[in-house]
Amino acid sequence: MSGADAAGAAVARLDAIARRLRRECPWDREQTERTIVPHTVEEAYELADAAQRGDDAKLLDELGDVLFQVHFLSLLLEERAAGSLADVADHCAEKLIRRHPHIFGETRAGTAAEVLRNWDQIKRSEEGREPGIFGEIPETLPALLHARKVQRRADSSGAGSVDCTLSAVSERLAALESAPDQFGALGDVLFVLVALARRLRIDPELALRAASKRFQERVLDRA
């Protein structure tokens, strides 16, 4: 059996299990999008943690949990004739083709930055999208990720960028203690640090979580 055939058979088996759970399990029968999505977010963070640790066995496990979430949510769409897993996959495939014109079209993109810039420009032009540079940035994103997305959108549109040099960070830190508005000044420091993380190609959310983990370990070692 080829890799594609094996993947198709495994996905079909998972689909059958999801449908049976929806029919027969009291807990699964009660779920809606609103009750499931918190679990989806939790699974996504567990997946990110496994990737950050470089734990392939855990990554395999967490990918399965996220895949089940996609299956289950797609099944809820199907039940009210609003879509299906096939529709989800087709929609994703068409979007990937549309947003990679340097692969599937005539556009050229020689760097990752150019790819992202094209992606954001194409996304803004798609029908049904909220207008504006910052349209459809979820307010529910964690603050560090929200700031990163805002900065990326501004960069890709050419509307502006953040000075994220070490000297800019040092200046903001030096001004923080004597600032009349320390709340706003601290926010500015964090915003610049997010920009610095982007320049270094580091996820600020994962970096901060890793720092918290190291702190926990040091405290436990001293206890």
Protein backbone atom coordinates (compact mmCIF):
# COMPACT_ATOMS: atom_id res chain seq x y z
CA MET A 1 0.00 0.00 0.00
CA SER A 2 1.39 3.39 -0.99
CA GLY A 3 1.82 6.22 1.49
CA ALA A 4 -1.18 8.06 0.04
CA ASP A 5 -3.36 4.92 0.17
CA ALA A 6 -2.33 4.20 3.75
CA ALA A 7 -3.11 7.78 4.77
CA GLY A 8 -6.51 7.60 3.07
CA ALA A 9 -7.37 4.33 4.81
CA ALA A 10 -6.29 5.67 8.21
CA VAL A 11 -8.31 8.87 7.78
CA ALA A 12 -11.35 6.83 6.71
CA ARG A 13 -11.03 4.70 9.87
CA LEU A 14 -10.78 7.81 12.03
CA ASP A 15 -13.82 9.26 10.28
CA ALA A 16 -15.82 6.12 11.03
CA ILE A 17 -14.82 6.26 14.69
CA ALA A 18 -15.77 9.94 14.96
CA ARG A 19 -19.20 9.22 13.47
CA ARG A 20 -19.81 6.32 15.85
CA LEU A 21 -18.81 8.42 18.85
CA ARG A 22 -21.19 11.16 17.73
CA ARG A 23 -24.02 8.62 17.52
CA GLU A 24 -23.36 6.49 20.60
CA CYS A 25 -21.29 8.38 23.18
CA PRO A 26 -23.38 10.56 25.55
CA TRP A 27 -20.57 13.11 25.94
CA ASP A 28 -19.83 13.40 22.23
CA ARG A 29 -23.52 13.72 21.38
CA GLU A 30 -23.83 16.80 23.61
CA GLN A 31 -20.96 18.75 22.04
CA THR A 32 -21.28 21.85 19.86
CA GLU A 33 -18.67 24.03 18.19
CA ARG A 34 -18.61 26.31 21.21
CA THR A 35 -17.97 23.47 23.66
CA ILE A 36 -15.40 21.73 21.45
CA VAL A 37 -13.28 24.73 20.43
CA PRO A 38 -11.71 25.23 23.90
CA HIS A 39 -10.43 21.65 23.60
CA THR A 40 -9.18 22.43 20.08
CA VAL A 41 -7.18 25.40 21.38
CA GLU A 42 -5.78 23.30 24.24
CA GLU A 43 -4.72 20.55 21.85
CA ALA A 44 -3.04 23.11 19.58
CA TYR A 45 -0.95 24.38 22.50
CA GLU A 46 0.01 20.83 23.47
CA LEU A 47 1.06 20.26 19.86
CA ALA A 48 3.16 23.43 19.93
CA ASP A 49 4.82 22.29 23.16
CA ALA A 50 5.72 18.91 21.63
CA ALA A 51 7.21 20.63 18.57
CA GLN A 52 9.19 23.04 20.73
CA ARG A 53 10.64 20.15 22.73
CA GLY A 54 11.54 18.21 19.61
CA ASP A 55 9.67 15.19 20.98
CA ASP A 56 8.63 13.23 17.89
CA ALA A 57 6.60 10.61 19.80
CA LYS A 58 4.63 13.33 21.58
CA LEU A 59 4.29 15.25 18.31
CA LEU A 60 2.73 12.19 16.67
CA ASP A 61 0.28 11.84 19.54
CA GLU A 62 -0.71 15.51 19.61
CA LEU A 63 -1.11 15.67 15.82
CA GLY A 64 -3.64 12.87 16.16
CA ASP A 65 -5.58 14.83 18.77
CA VAL A 66 -5.68 17.91 16.53
CA LEU A 67 -6.70 15.78 13.55
CA PHE A 68 -9.61 14.37 15.54
CA GLN A 69 -10.70 17.88 16.45
CA VAL A 70 -10.81 18.76 12.73
CA HIS A 71 -12.83 15.63 12.02
CA PHE A 72 -15.30 16.26 14.79
CA LEU A 73 -15.88 19.91 13.93
CA SER A 74 -16.30 19.00 10.25
CA LEU A 75 -18.89 16.41 11.26
CA LEU A 76 -20.86 19.08 13.10
CA LEU A 77 -20.91 21.12 9.87
CA GLU A 78 -22.11 18.09 7.95
CA GLU A 79 -24.97 17.45 10.37
CA ARG A 80 -26.52 20.80 9.52
CA ALA A 81 -25.67 20.57 5.82
CA ALA A 82 -23.20 23.45 6.07
CA GLY A 83 -20.12 21.53 4.88
CA SER A 84 -18.15 18.34 5.29
CA LEU A 85 -14.60 17.09 5.82
CA ALA A 86 -14.25 16.86 2.03
CA ASP A 87 -15.38 20.49 1.71
CA VAL A 88 -12.87 21.51 4.37
CA ALA A 89 -10.03 19.73 2.55
CA ASP A 90 -11.04 21.09 -0.86
CA HIS A 91 -11.35 24.63 0.49
CA CYS A 92 -7.92 24.37 2.09
CA ALA A 93 -6.37 23.00 -1.12
CA GLU A 94 -7.84 25.78 -3.25
CA LYS A 95 -6.65 28.40 -0.77
CA LEU A 96 -3.11 27.01 -0.76
CA ILE A 97 -3.00 27.03 -4.56
CA ARG A 98 -4.37 30.58 -4.71
CA ARG A 99 -1.94 31.90 -2.10
CA HIS A 100 1.15 30.25 -3.64
CA PRO A 101 1.20 31.81 -7.11
CA HIS A 102 4.99 31.41 -7.16
CA ILE A 103 4.41 27.64 -7.22
CA PHE A 104 1.12 27.27 -9.09
CA GLY A 105 1.22 30.47 -11.16
CA GLU A 106 3.57 32.94 -12.79
CA THR A 107 4.46 35.11 -9.77
CA ARG A 108 8.03 35.00 -8.49
CA ALA A 109 9.06 34.87 -4.84
CA GLY A 110 12.69 34.23 -4.02
CA THR A 111 12.56 34.68 -0.26
CA ALA A 112 10.30 33.68 2.61
CA ALA A 113 9.55 37.38 3.23
CA GLU A 114 8.27 37.75 -0.34
CA VAL A 115 6.08 34.68 0.09
CA LEU A 116 4.51 36.15 3.24
CA ARG A 117 4.02 39.52 1.59
CA ASN A 118 2.24 37.90 -1.38
CA TRP A 119 0.17 35.75 0.99
CA ASP A 120 -1.10 38.75 2.95
CA GLN A 121 -1.86 40.76 -0.19
CA ILE A 122 -3.81 37.88 -1.75
CA LYS A 123 -5.66 37.25 1.50
CA ARG A 124 -6.79 40.88 1.71
CA SER A 125 -8.16 40.72 -1.84
CA GLU A 126 -10.27 37.60 -1.27
CA GLU A 127 -14.04 37.93 -1.35
CA GLY A 128 -15.75 38.12 2.02
CA ARG A 129 -12.66 39.24 3.94
CA GLU A 130 -12.91 42.08 6.43
CA PRO A 131 -11.47 45.23 4.83
CA GLY A 132 -8.31 46.95 5.99
CA ILE A 133 -4.77 45.94 6.82
CA PHE A 134 -5.77 44.50 10.17
CA GLY A 135 -9.04 42.87 9.12
CA GLU A 136 -9.81 39.48 10.69
CA ILE A 137 -7.03 39.49 13.27
CA PRO A 138 -8.75 37.55 16.09
CA GLU A 139 -9.02 39.55 19.30
CA THR A 140 -8.94 36.22 21.17
CA LEU A 141 -5.31 35.57 20.19
CA PRO A 142 -2.84 35.60 23.10
CA ALA A 143 -1.42 39.12 23.37
CA LEU A 144 2.08 38.25 22.11
CA LEU A 145 0.72 36.45 19.06
CA HIS A 146 -1.77 39.24 18.42
CA ALA A 147 1.06 41.79 18.44
CA ARG A 148 3.13 39.62 16.10
CA LYS A 149 0.27 39.33 13.62
CA VAL A 150 -0.39 43.09 13.72
CA GLN A 151 3.29 43.78 13.03
CA ARG A 152 3.43 41.28 10.19
CA ARG A 153 0.36 42.75 8.53
CA ALA A 154 1.83 46.27 8.79
CA ASP A 155 5.15 45.10 7.35
CA SER A 156 3.65 43.17 4.45
CA SER A 157 1.43 46.10 3.48
CA GLY A 158 4.32 48.56 3.61
CA ALA A 159 2.38 50.65 6.12
CA GLY A 160 5.08 50.66 8.76
CA SER A 161 7.50 48.64 10.85
CA VAL A 162 8.79 48.66 14.42
CA ASP A 163 12.34 49.63 15.35
CA CYS A 164 13.45 46.42 17.01
CA THR A 165 17.17 47.04 17.40
CA LEU A 166 18.74 46.25 20.76
CA SER A 167 19.32 49.97 21.29
CA ALA A 168 15.58 50.64 20.79
CA VAL A 169 14.78 47.97 23.38
CA SER A 170 17.34 49.44 25.79
CA GLU A 171 15.92 52.95 25.38
CA ARG A 172 12.40 51.84 26.17
CA LEU A 173 13.56 49.84 29.17
CA ALA A 174 15.54 52.80 30.48
CA ALA A 175 12.50 55.07 30.19
CA LEU A 176 10.12 52.60 31.81
CA GLU A 177 10.83 53.25 35.50
CA SER A 178 10.36 57.03 35.27
CA ALA A 179 7.54 56.99 32.72
CA PRO A 180 4.36 58.79 33.88
CA ASP A 181 2.31 56.08 32.19
CA GLN A 182 4.08 52.87 33.18
CA PHE A 183 1.20 50.73 31.92
CA GLY A 184 1.59 52.13 28.42
CA ALA A 185 5.38 52.18 28.62
CA LEU A 186 5.53 48.51 29.60
CA GLY A 187 3.21 47.68 26.72
CA ASP A 188 5.60 49.50 24.38
CA VAL A 189 8.53 47.46 25.71
CA LEU A 190 6.67 44.21 25.15
CA PHE A 191 5.61 45.31 21.66
CA VAL A 192 9.22 46.05 20.69
CA LEU A 193 10.34 42.70 22.13
CA VAL A 194 7.78 40.96 19.93
CA ALA A 195 9.26 42.78 16.93
CA LEU A 196 12.74 41.68 18.00
CA ALA A 197 11.48 38.08 18.26
CA ARG A 198 10.11 38.36 14.71
CA ARG A 199 13.47 39.59 13.44
CA LEU A 200 15.20 36.66 15.15
CA ARG A 201 12.54 34.22 13.79
CA ILE A 202 11.53 33.22 17.31
CA ASP A 203 7.93 32.66 18.42
CA PRO A 204 7.57 35.02 21.41
CA GLU A 205 4.73 32.98 22.92
CA LEU A 206 6.74 29.75 22.91
CA ALA A 207 9.90 31.55 24.08
CA LEU A 208 8.07 33.00 27.08
CA ARG A 209 6.50 29.66 27.92
CA ALA A 210 9.92 28.01 27.78
CA ALA A 211 11.31 30.69 30.13
CA SER A 212 8.43 30.06 32.55
CA LYS A 213 9.20 26.34 32.44
CA ARG A 214 12.87 26.95 33.21
CA PHE A 215 11.89 29.17 36.13
CA GLN A 216 9.59 26.46 37.49
CA GLU A 217 12.39 23.93 37.30
CA ARG A 218 14.82 26.24 39.14
CA VAL A 219 12.29 26.87 41.90
CA LEU A 220 11.61 23.15 42.29
CA ASP A 221 15.33 22.38 42.38
CA ARG A 222 15.78 24.83 45.28
CA ALA A 223 12.72 23.59 47.18
